Amino acid sequence: MDVYALIAAQNLHELEKVLADEPQLALETIFMSNGLQSYVLHQLIPMKIKDEISKEIRVNVIDFIIKTIPLAVRLQNSQGMLPIHLLLQNGPPPIDSFNKFILTQRLIK
């Protein structure tokens, strides 16, 4: 399944289903059209979404990834950024579980 295509199309409902069946896809490198390498969290966090249903699905998917595959928050994209960097760049965190994970895992030292 091409996870990047689902993200690019903002087909978050289908992405949610795919990751529920194959959560390890959140750890696979996404090769973007501009040549950069990224991961699912790196793509979802800064995503601009207008409709409320998709915003809710986005939060659910991020929450699912963090709870199911905690390693995903430690992956760096090709620019050396962690998901936390994108959260800080793009405003307040969309979900509370990311904050709890950061505090419990001491990602910020």
Protein backbone atom coordinates (compact mmCIF):
# COMPACT_ATOMS: atom_id res chain seq x y z
CA MET A 1 0.00 0.00 0.00
CA ASP A 2 1.34 3.44 -0.92
CA VAL A 3 0.96 5.31 2.36
CA TYR A 4 2.39 8.52 0.89
CA ALA A 5 -0.28 8.56 -1.83
CA LEU A 6 -2.98 8.30 0.84
CA ILE A 7 -1.39 11.14 2.81
CA ALA A 8 -0.90 13.32 -0.27
CA ALA A 9 -4.55 12.81 -1.22
CA GLN A 10 -5.55 13.43 2.40
CA ASN A 11 -7.40 10.12 2.32
CA LEU A 12 -7.09 9.79 6.07
CA HIS A 13 -10.00 7.40 6.48
CA GLU A 14 -8.26 4.84 4.26
CA LEU A 15 -4.89 5.57 5.91
CA GLU A 16 -6.45 4.84 9.29
CA LYS A 17 -7.64 1.44 8.03
CA VAL A 18 -4.29 0.58 6.45
CA LEU A 19 -2.32 1.44 9.59
CA ALA A 20 -4.76 -0.47 11.78
CA ASP A 21 -4.02 -3.58 9.68
CA GLU A 22 -0.30 -2.89 9.24
CA PRO A 23 0.95 -0.49 11.93
CA GLN A 24 4.59 -1.16 11.00
CA LEU A 25 4.02 0.97 7.88
CA ALA A 26 4.39 4.01 10.16
CA LEU A 27 8.08 3.09 10.48
CA GLU A 28 8.76 2.75 6.77
CA THR A 29 10.57 5.53 4.99
CA ILE A 30 8.44 7.63 2.67
CA PHE A 31 10.31 8.81 -0.41
CA MET A 32 8.66 12.06 -1.45
CA SER A 33 8.57 13.54 -4.93
CA ASN A 34 11.03 16.29 -3.93
CA GLY A 35 13.65 13.68 -3.03
CA LEU A 36 13.33 14.05 0.74
CA GLN A 37 12.73 11.13 3.06
CA SER A 38 10.05 11.26 5.70
CA TYR A 39 7.70 9.18 7.83
CA VAL A 40 3.96 9.09 8.44
CA LEU A 41 4.08 11.24 11.61
CA HIS A 42 6.25 13.81 9.84
CA GLN A 43 3.60 14.10 7.15
CA LEU A 44 0.53 14.12 9.39
CA ILE A 45 1.64 16.64 12.00
CA PRO A 46 1.95 19.71 9.76
CA MET A 47 -0.92 18.69 7.46
CA LYS A 48 -3.42 21.49 6.87
CA ILE A 49 -6.96 20.11 6.99
CA LYS A 50 -10.17 22.07 6.66
CA ASP A 51 -13.00 19.69 7.51
CA GLU A 52 -13.57 18.63 11.10
CA ILE A 53 -14.04 14.92 10.37
CA SER A 54 -10.63 14.66 8.70
CA LYS A 55 -9.05 16.63 11.55
CA GLU A 56 -10.46 14.11 14.01
CA ILE A 57 -9.24 11.16 11.94
CA ARG A 58 -5.79 12.78 11.73
CA VAL A 59 -5.66 13.08 15.52
CA ASN A 60 -6.81 9.45 15.88
CA VAL A 61 -4.14 8.21 13.48
CA ILE A 62 -1.38 10.19 15.22
CA ASP A 63 -2.57 8.94 18.59
CA PHE A 64 -2.71 5.34 17.30
CA ILE A 65 0.85 5.54 15.95
CA ILE A 66 2.25 7.00 19.16
CA LYS A 67 0.53 4.41 21.35
CA THR A 68 1.12 1.41 19.08
CA ILE A 69 4.61 2.17 17.76
CA PRO A 70 6.38 4.53 20.18
CA LEU A 71 9.59 4.27 18.14
CA ALA A 72 7.90 6.42 15.48
CA VAL A 73 8.42 9.57 17.57
CA ARG A 74 12.19 8.98 17.52
CA LEU A 75 12.57 8.73 13.75
CA GLN A 76 14.37 11.59 12.01
CA ASN A 77 13.43 12.69 8.52
CA SER A 78 16.11 13.48 5.93
CA GLN A 79 16.41 16.99 7.40
CA GLY A 80 17.24 15.54 10.81
CA MET A 81 13.90 16.53 12.31
CA LEU A 82 11.90 14.52 14.80
CA PRO A 83 8.11 14.75 14.93
CA ILE A 84 8.46 16.99 18.01
CA HIS A 85 10.32 19.56 15.89
CA LEU A 86 7.38 19.70 13.51
CA LEU A 87 4.97 20.09 16.41
CA LEU A 88 6.96 23.03 17.68
CA GLN A 89 7.12 24.60 14.22
CA ASN A 90 3.44 24.15 13.49
CA GLY A 91 1.75 25.27 16.67
CA PRO A 92 0.28 23.44 19.63
CA PRO A 93 0.33 19.64 19.67
CA PRO A 94 -2.84 18.14 18.20
CA ILE A 95 -3.14 15.48 20.87
CA ASP A 96 -2.39 14.99 24.52
CA SER A 97 -0.81 11.55 24.13
CA PHE A 98 2.22 13.07 22.40
CA ASN A 99 2.79 15.33 25.41
CA LYS A 100 2.42 12.40 27.79
CA PHE A 101 4.80 10.29 25.74
CA ILE A 102 7.42 13.03 25.70
CA LEU A 103 7.23 13.42 29.45
CA THR A 104 7.29 9.71 30.22
CA GLN A 105 10.02 8.82 27.74
CA ARG A 106 12.10 11.96 28.37
CA LEU A 107 12.56 12.72 24.69
CA ILE A 108 13.50 16.28 25.60
CA LYS A 109 16.55 16.43 27.84
